[in-house]
Amino acid sequence: MMVSLDHTIYFHEPRRVRADEWMFAEMESPWAGDGRGVVTQRIFSKDGTLLATCIQEGVVRLKEKKTEGQEAKL
């Protein structure tokens, strides 16, 4: 399960964003721990111009294996 806690998009060149042209997106996760994770993404135009930067923090819950006698709560 993953739920977004917060997310922000910073547009650096909003007039140059074209939905009908190819864009390159570079993503990385610089930190994860305590059931949360941070992801940053940079979006570039086809000529290499940085168009936007996105930052997102999310909650990450891994599915636990059921042990014998354990029932689902919901």
PDB file of N, CA and C in Angstrom:
ATOM      1  N   MET A   1       0.843  -1.163   0.000  1.00  0.00           N
ATOM      2  CA  MET A   1       0.000   0.000   0.000  1.00  0.00           C
ATOM      3  C   MET A   1       0.893   1.231   0.000  1.00  0.00           C
ATOM      4  N   MET A   2       0.506   2.223  -0.789  1.00  0.00           N
ATOM      5  CA  MET A   2       1.225   3.487  -0.775  1.00  0.00           C
ATOM      6  C   MET A   2       0.227   4.628  -0.837  1.00  0.00           C
ATOM      7  N   VAL A   3       0.397   5.593   0.049  1.00  0.00           N
ATOM      8  CA  VAL A   3      -0.481   6.751   0.120  1.00  0.00           C
ATOM      9  C   VAL A   3       0.388   7.999   0.101  1.00  0.00           C
ATOM     10  N   SER A   4      -0.003   8.986  -0.681  1.00  0.00           N
ATOM     11  CA  SER A   4       0.744  10.233  -0.752  1.00  0.00           C
ATOM     12  C   SER A   4       0.412  11.119   0.444  1.00  0.00           C
ATOM     13  N   LEU A   5       1.443  11.583   1.150  1.00  0.00           N
ATOM     14  CA  LEU A   5       1.240  12.526   2.248  1.00  0.00           C
ATOM     15  C   LEU A   5       1.183  13.950   1.716  1.00  0.00           C
ATOM     16  N   ASP A   6       2.110  14.274   0.853  1.00  0.00           N
ATOM     17  CA  ASP A   6       2.111  15.589   0.230  1.00  0.00           C
ATOM     18  C   ASP A   6       2.902  15.526  -1.069  1.00  0.00           C
ATOM     19  N   HIS A   7       2.574  16.402  -1.970  1.00  0.00           N
ATOM     20  CA  HIS A   7       3.305  16.474  -3.224  1.00  0.00           C
ATOM     21  C   HIS A   7       3.233  17.900  -3.771  1.00  0.00           C
ATOM     22  N   THR A   8       4.303  18.296  -4.426  1.00  0.00           N
ATOM     23  CA  THR A   8       4.416  19.642  -4.959  1.00  0.00           C
ATOM     24  C   THR A   8       5.073  19.578  -6.330  1.00  0.00           C
ATOM     25  N   ILE A   9       4.596  20.411  -7.238  1.00  0.00           N
ATOM     26  CA  ILE A   9       5.223  20.564  -8.546  1.00  0.00           C
ATOM     27  C   ILE A   9       5.644  22.023  -8.690  1.00  0.00           C
ATOM     28  N   TYR A  10       6.913  22.227  -8.952  1.00  0.00           N
ATOM     29  CA  TYR A  10       7.442  23.566  -9.208  1.00  0.00           C
ATOM     30  C   TYR A  10       7.690  23.679 -10.716  1.00  0.00           C
ATOM     31  N   PHE A  11       6.941  24.541 -11.391  1.00  0.00           N
ATOM     32  CA  PHE A  11       7.125  24.760 -12.817  1.00  0.00           C
ATOM     33  C   PHE A  11       8.165  25.865 -13.009  1.00  0.00           C
ATOM     34  N   HIS A  12       9.270  25.547 -13.696  1.00  0.00           N
ATOM     35  CA  HIS A  12      10.334  26.514 -13.924  1.00  0.00           C
ATOM     36  C   HIS A  12      10.125  27.260 -15.249  1.00  0.00           C
ATOM     37  N   GLU A  13       9.589  26.563 -16.230  1.00  0.00           N
ATOM     38  CA  GLU A  13       9.348  27.135 -17.560  1.00  0.00           C
ATOM     39  C   GLU A  13       7.938  26.756 -18.018  1.00  0.00           C
ATOM     40  N   PRO A  14       6.896  27.294 -17.366  1.00  0.00           N
ATOM     41  CA  PRO A  14       5.534  26.847 -17.676  1.00  0.00           C
ATOM     42  C   PRO A  14       5.100  27.103 -19.121  1.00  0.00           C
ATOM     43  N   ARG A  15       5.608  28.134 -19.745  1.00  0.00           N
ATOM     44  CA  ARG A  15       5.216  28.427 -21.135  1.00  0.00           C
ATOM     45  C   ARG A  15       5.843  27.469 -22.133  1.00  0.00           C
ATOM     46  N   ARG A  16       6.866  26.736 -21.695  1.00  0.00           N
ATOM     47  CA  ARG A  16       7.543  25.806 -22.601  1.00  0.00           C
ATOM     48  C   ARG A  16       7.040  24.373 -22.450  1.00  0.00           C
ATOM     49  N   VAL A  17       6.148  24.118 -21.495  1.00  0.00           N
ATOM     50  CA  VAL A  17       5.599  22.772 -21.302  1.00  0.00           C
ATOM     51  C   VAL A  17       4.631  22.481 -22.444  1.00  0.00           C
ATOM     52  N   ARG A  18       4.904  21.402 -23.174  1.00  0.00           N
ATOM     53  CA  ARG A  18       4.068  21.004 -24.300  1.00  0.00           C
ATOM     54  C   ARG A  18       3.658  19.548 -24.110  1.00  0.00           C
ATOM     55  N   ALA A  19       2.374  19.308 -23.921  1.00  0.00           N
ATOM     56  CA  ALA A  19       1.884  17.937 -23.708  1.00  0.00           C
ATOM     57  C   ALA A  19       1.953  17.108 -24.983  1.00  0.00           C
ATOM     58  N   ASP A  20       2.099  17.749 -26.144  1.00  0.00           N
ATOM     59  CA  ASP A  20       2.159  17.016 -27.405  1.00  0.00           C
ATOM     60  C   ASP A  20       3.594  16.748 -27.862  1.00  0.00           C
ATOM     61  N   GLU A  21       4.582  16.991 -26.993  1.00  0.00           N
ATOM     62  CA  GLU A  21       5.977  16.704 -27.302  1.00  0.00           C
ATOM     63  C   GLU A  21       6.563  15.775 -26.233  1.00  0.00           C
ATOM     64  N   TRP A  22       7.616  15.054 -26.617  1.00  0.00           N
ATOM     65  CA  TRP A  22       8.290  14.159 -25.685  1.00  0.00           C
ATOM     66  C   TRP A  22       8.951  14.959 -24.567  1.00  0.00           C
ATOM     67  N   MET A  23       8.903  14.394 -23.359  1.00  0.00           N
ATOM     68  CA  MET A  23       9.609  14.958 -22.211  1.00  0.00           C
ATOM     69  C   MET A  23      10.390  13.828 -21.546  1.00  0.00           C
ATOM     70  N   PHE A  24      11.455  14.192 -20.879  1.00  0.00           N
ATOM     71  CA  PHE A  24      12.271  13.219 -20.154  1.00  0.00           C
ATOM     72  C   PHE A  24      12.063  13.436 -18.660  1.00  0.00           C
ATOM     73  N   ALA A  25      11.761  12.375 -17.944  1.00  0.00           N
ATOM     74  CA  ALA A  25      11.548  12.453 -16.499  1.00  0.00           C
ATOM     75  C   ALA A  25      12.622  11.631 -15.798  1.00  0.00           C
ATOM     76  N   GLU A  26      13.287  12.256 -14.840  1.00  0.00           N
ATOM     77  CA  GLU A  26      14.334  11.602 -14.052  1.00  0.00           C
ATOM     78  C   GLU A  26      13.847  11.544 -12.608  1.00  0.00           C
ATOM     79  N   MET A  27      13.764  10.325 -12.047  1.00  0.00           N
ATOM     80  CA  MET A  27      13.261  10.153 -10.680  1.00  0.00           C
ATOM     81  C   MET A  27      14.328   9.517  -9.802  1.00  0.00           C
ATOM     82  N   GLU A  28      14.308   9.906  -8.530  1.00  0.00           N
ATOM     83  CA  GLU A  28      15.163   9.251  -7.545  1.00  0.00           C
ATOM     84  C   GLU A  28      14.482   9.301  -6.182  1.00  0.00           C
ATOM     85  N   SER A  29      14.875   8.382  -5.340  1.00  0.00           N
ATOM     86  CA  SER A  29      14.359   8.352  -3.978  1.00  0.00           C
ATOM     87  C   SER A  29      15.546   8.545  -3.041  1.00  0.00           C
ATOM     88  N   PRO A  30      15.774   9.793  -2.595  1.00  0.00           N
ATOM     89  CA  PRO A  30      16.950  10.056  -1.765  1.00  0.00           C
ATOM     90  C   PRO A  30      16.850   9.552  -0.334  1.00  0.00           C
ATOM     91  N   TRP A  31      15.619   9.239   0.108  1.00  0.00           N
ATOM     92  CA  TRP A  31      15.468   8.772   1.488  1.00  0.00           C
ATOM     93  C   TRP A  31      14.205   7.941   1.625  1.00  0.00           C
ATOM     94  N   ALA A  32      14.291   6.896   2.446  1.00  0.00           N
ATOM     95  CA  ALA A  32      13.133   6.092   2.840  1.00  0.00           C
ATOM     96  C   ALA A  32      13.428   5.495   4.206  1.00  0.00           C
ATOM     97  N   GLY A  33      12.415   5.474   5.063  1.00  0.00           N
ATOM     98  CA  GLY A  33      12.578   4.898   6.390  1.00  0.00           C
ATOM     99  C   GLY A  33      11.353   5.148   7.238  1.00  0.00           C
ATOM    100  N   ASP A  34      11.198   4.365   8.285  1.00  0.00           N
ATOM    101  CA  ASP A  34      10.066   4.509   9.207  1.00  0.00           C
ATOM    102  C   ASP A  34       8.722   4.493   8.488  1.00  0.00           C
ATOM    103  N   GLY A  35       8.608   3.703   7.426  1.00  0.00           N
ATOM    104  CA  GLY A  35       7.339   3.579   6.712  1.00  0.00           C
ATOM    105  C   GLY A  35       7.011   4.742   5.794  1.00  0.00           C
ATOM    106  N   ARG A  36       7.989   5.591   5.512  1.00  0.00           N
ATOM    107  CA  ARG A  36       7.775   6.725   4.619  1.00  0.00           C
ATOM    108  C   ARG A  36       8.885   6.767   3.579  1.00  0.00           C
ATOM    109  N   GLY A  37       8.633   7.465   2.504  1.00  0.00           N
ATOM    110  CA  GLY A  37       9.642   7.622   1.470  1.00  0.00           C
ATOM    111  C   GLY A  37       9.494   8.963   0.782  1.00  0.00           C
ATOM    112  N   VAL A  38      10.611   9.490   0.282  1.00  0.00           N
ATOM    113  CA  VAL A  38      10.613  10.752  -0.441  1.00  0.00           C
ATOM    114  C   VAL A  38      11.091  10.481  -1.864  1.00  0.00           C
ATOM    115  N   VAL A  39      10.404  11.059  -2.833  1.00  0.00           N
ATOM    116  CA  VAL A  39      10.774  10.921  -4.235  1.00  0.00           C
ATOM    117  C   VAL A  39      10.902  12.315  -4.836  1.00  0.00           C
ATOM    118  N   THR A  40      11.972  12.522  -5.606  1.00  0.00           N
ATOM    119  CA  THR A  40      12.114  13.759  -6.356  1.00  0.00           C
ATOM    120  C   THR A  40      12.141  13.404  -7.835  1.00  0.00           C
ATOM    121  N   GLN A  41      11.601  14.293  -8.641  1.00  0.00           N
ATOM    122  CA  GLN A  41      11.548  14.059 -10.082  1.00  0.00           C
ATOM    123  C   GLN A  41      11.835  15.373 -10.782  1.00  0.00           C
ATOM    124  N   ARG A  42      12.638  15.308 -11.825  1.00  0.00           N
ATOM    125  CA  ARG A  42      12.895  16.475 -12.662  1.00  0.00           C
ATOM    126  C   ARG A  42      12.397  16.144 -14.068  1.00  0.00           C
ATOM    127  N   ILE A  43      11.696  17.081 -14.670  1.00  0.00           N
ATOM    128  CA  ILE A  43      11.127  16.885 -15.996  1.00  0.00           C
ATOM    129  C   ILE A  43      11.779  17.866 -16.955  1.00  0.00           C
ATOM    130  N   PHE A  44      12.326  17.326 -18.045  1.00  0.00           N
ATOM    131  CA  PHE A  44      13.044  18.116 -19.034  1.00  0.00           C
ATOM    132  C   PHE A  44      12.312  18.090 -20.373  1.00  0.00           C
ATOM    133  N   SER A  45      12.450  19.154 -21.147  1.00  0.00           N
ATOM    134  CA  SER A  45      11.927  19.176 -22.511  1.00  0.00           C
ATOM    135  C   SER A  45      12.884  18.383 -23.400  1.00  0.00           C
ATOM    136  N   LYS A  46      12.486  18.183 -24.660  1.00  0.00           N
ATOM    137  CA  LYS A  46      13.332  17.386 -25.554  1.00  0.00           C
ATOM    138  C   LYS A  46      14.653  18.082 -25.880  1.00  0.00           C
ATOM    139  N   ASP A  47      14.742  19.416 -25.678  1.00  0.00           N
ATOM    140  CA  ASP A  47      16.014  20.114 -25.910  1.00  0.00           C
ATOM    141  C   ASP A  47      16.855  20.220 -24.633  1.00  0.00           C
ATOM    142  N   GLY A  48      16.403  19.616 -23.526  1.00  0.00           N
ATOM    143  CA  GLY A  48      17.175  19.572 -22.289  1.00  0.00           C
ATOM    144  C   GLY A  48      16.852  20.659 -21.277  1.00  0.00           C
ATOM    145  N   THR A  49      15.853  21.498 -21.560  1.00  0.00           N
ATOM    146  CA  THR A  49      15.462  22.555 -20.630  1.00  0.00           C
ATOM    147  C   THR A  49      14.720  21.954 -19.441  1.00  0.00           C
ATOM    148  N   LEU A  50      15.119  22.336 -18.228  1.00  0.00           N
ATOM    149  CA  LEU A  50      14.412  21.878 -17.027  1.00  0.00           C
ATOM    150  C   LEU A  50      13.065  22.582 -16.954  1.00  0.00           C
ATOM    151  N   LEU A  51      11.991  21.822 -17.074  1.00  0.00           N
ATOM    152  CA  LEU A  51      10.640  22.383 -17.074  1.00  0.00           C
ATOM    153  C   LEU A  51      10.018  22.422 -15.688  1.00  0.00           C
ATOM    154  N   ALA A  52      10.216  21.355 -14.916  1.00  0.00           N
ATOM    155  CA  ALA A  52       9.554  21.265 -13.614  1.00  0.00           C
ATOM    156  C   ALA A  52      10.323  20.333 -12.687  1.00  0.00           C
ATOM    157  N   THR A  53      10.137  20.572 -11.397  1.00  0.00           N
ATOM    158  CA  THR A  53      10.675  19.697 -10.354  1.00  0.00           C
ATOM    159  C   THR A  53       9.506  19.269  -9.477  1.00  0.00           C
ATOM    160  N   CYS A  54       9.420  17.970  -9.211  1.00  0.00           N
ATOM    161  CA  CYS A  54       8.333  17.423  -8.388  1.00  0.00           C
ATOM    162  C   CYS A  54       8.943  16.783  -7.139  1.00  0.00           C
ATOM    163  N   ILE A  55       8.270  16.967  -6.023  1.00  0.00           N
ATOM    164  CA  ILE A  55       8.697  16.353  -4.768  1.00  0.00           C
ATOM    165  C   ILE A  55       7.474  15.716  -4.128  1.00  0.00           C
ATOM    166  N   GLN A  56       7.622  14.467  -3.696  1.00  0.00           N
ATOM    167  CA  GLN A  56       6.496  13.755  -3.094  1.00  0.00           C
ATOM    168  C   GLN A  56       6.973  12.947  -1.897  1.00  0.00           C
ATOM    169  N   GLU A  57       6.166  12.979  -0.826  1.00  0.00           N
ATOM    170  CA  GLU A  57       6.415  12.138   0.340  1.00  0.00           C
ATOM    171  C   GLU A  57       5.237  11.185   0.474  1.00  0.00           C
ATOM    172  N   GLY A  58       5.520   9.929   0.707  1.00  0.00           N
ATOM    173  CA  GLY A  58       4.449   8.956   0.813  1.00  0.00           C
ATOM    174  C   GLY A  58       4.647   7.984   1.955  1.00  0.00           C
ATOM    175  N   VAL A  59       3.553   7.359   2.346  1.00  0.00           N
ATOM    176  CA  VAL A  59       3.572   6.300   3.347  1.00  0.00           C
ATOM    177  C   VAL A  59       3.646   4.977   2.598  1.00  0.00           C
ATOM    178  N   VAL A  60       4.514   4.114   3.030  1.00  0.00           N
ATOM    179  CA  VAL A  60       4.690   2.808   2.386  1.00  0.00           C
ATOM    180  C   VAL A  60       4.435   1.729   3.424  1.00  0.00           C
ATOM    181  N   ARG A  61       3.492   0.859   3.137  1.00  0.00           N
ATOM    182  CA  ARG A  61       3.198  -0.270   4.031  1.00  0.00           C
ATOM    183  C   ARG A  61       3.307  -1.550   3.216  1.00  0.00           C
ATOM    184  N   LEU A  62       4.212  -2.412   3.607  1.00  0.00           N
ATOM    185  CA  LEU A  62       4.367  -3.691   2.926  1.00  0.00           C
ATOM    186  C   LEU A  62       3.385  -4.694   3.494  1.00  0.00           C
ATOM    187  N   LYS A  63       2.883  -5.551   2.646  1.00  0.00           N
ATOM    188  CA  LYS A  63       1.943  -6.569   3.079  1.00  0.00           C
ATOM    189  C   LYS A  63       2.693  -7.603   3.916  1.00  0.00           C
ATOM    190  N   GLU A  64       2.195  -7.834   5.121  1.00  0.00           N
ATOM    191  CA  GLU A  64       2.822  -8.798   6.015  1.00  0.00           C
ATOM    192  C   GLU A  64       2.301 -10.195   5.725  1.00  0.00           C
ATOM    193  N   LYS A  65       3.176 -11.168   5.837  1.00  0.00           N
ATOM    194  CA  LYS A  65       2.765 -12.551   5.651  1.00  0.00           C
ATOM    195  C   LYS A  65       1.907 -12.988   6.834  1.00  0.00           C
ATOM    196  N   LYS A  66       0.812 -13.669   6.540  1.00  0.00           N
ATOM    197  CA  LYS A  66      -0.059 -14.169   7.609  1.00  0.00           C
ATOM    198  C   LYS A  66       0.571 -15.384   8.257  1.00  0.00           C
ATOM    199  N   THR A  67       0.492 -15.423   9.569  1.00  0.00           N
ATOM    200  CA  THR A  67       0.949 -16.601  10.291  1.00  0.00           C
ATOM    201  C   THR A  67      -0.267 -17.443  10.632  1.00  0.00           C
ATOM    202  N   GLU A  68      -0.030 -18.655  10.974  1.00  0.00           N
ATOM    203  CA  GLU A  68      -1.128 -19.564  11.284  1.00  0.00           C
ATOM    204  C   GLU A  68      -1.960 -19.027  12.440  1.00  0.00           C
ATOM    205  N   GLY A  69      -3.286 -18.978  12.262  1.00  0.00           N
ATOM    206  CA  GLY A  69      -4.180 -18.504  13.293  1.00  0.00           C
ATOM    207  C   GLY A  69      -4.425 -17.006  13.225  1.00  0.00           C
ATOM    208  N   GLN A  70      -3.717 -16.291  12.365  1.00  0.00           N
ATOM    209  CA  GLN A  70      -3.905 -14.855  12.235  1.00  0.00           C
ATOM    210  C   GLN A  70      -5.039 -14.581  11.258  1.00  0.00           C
ATOM    211  N   GLU A  71      -5.976 -13.732  11.662  1.00  0.00           N
ATOM    212  CA  GLU A  71      -7.118 -13.402  10.811  1.00  0.00           C
ATOM    213  C   GLU A  71      -7.031 -11.957  10.358  1.00  0.00           C
ATOM    214  N   ALA A  72      -7.657 -11.668   9.228  1.00  0.00           N
ATOM    215  CA  ALA A  72      -7.700 -10.296   8.727  1.00  0.00           C
ATOM    216  C   ALA A  72      -8.582  -9.460   9.641  1.00  0.00           C
ATOM    217  N   LYS A  73      -8.163  -8.238   9.909  1.00  0.00           N
ATOM    218  CA  LYS A  73      -8.947  -7.334  10.765  1.00  0.00           C
ATOM    219  C   LYS A  73     -10.082  -6.684   9.984  1.00  0.00           C
ATOM    220  N   LEU A  74      -9.877  -6.455   8.719  1.00  0.00           N
ATOM    221  CA  LEU A  74     -10.915  -5.895   7.854  1.00  0.00           C
ATOM    222  C   LEU A  74     -10.852  -6.537   6.499  1.00  0.00           C
TER     223      LEU A  74
END
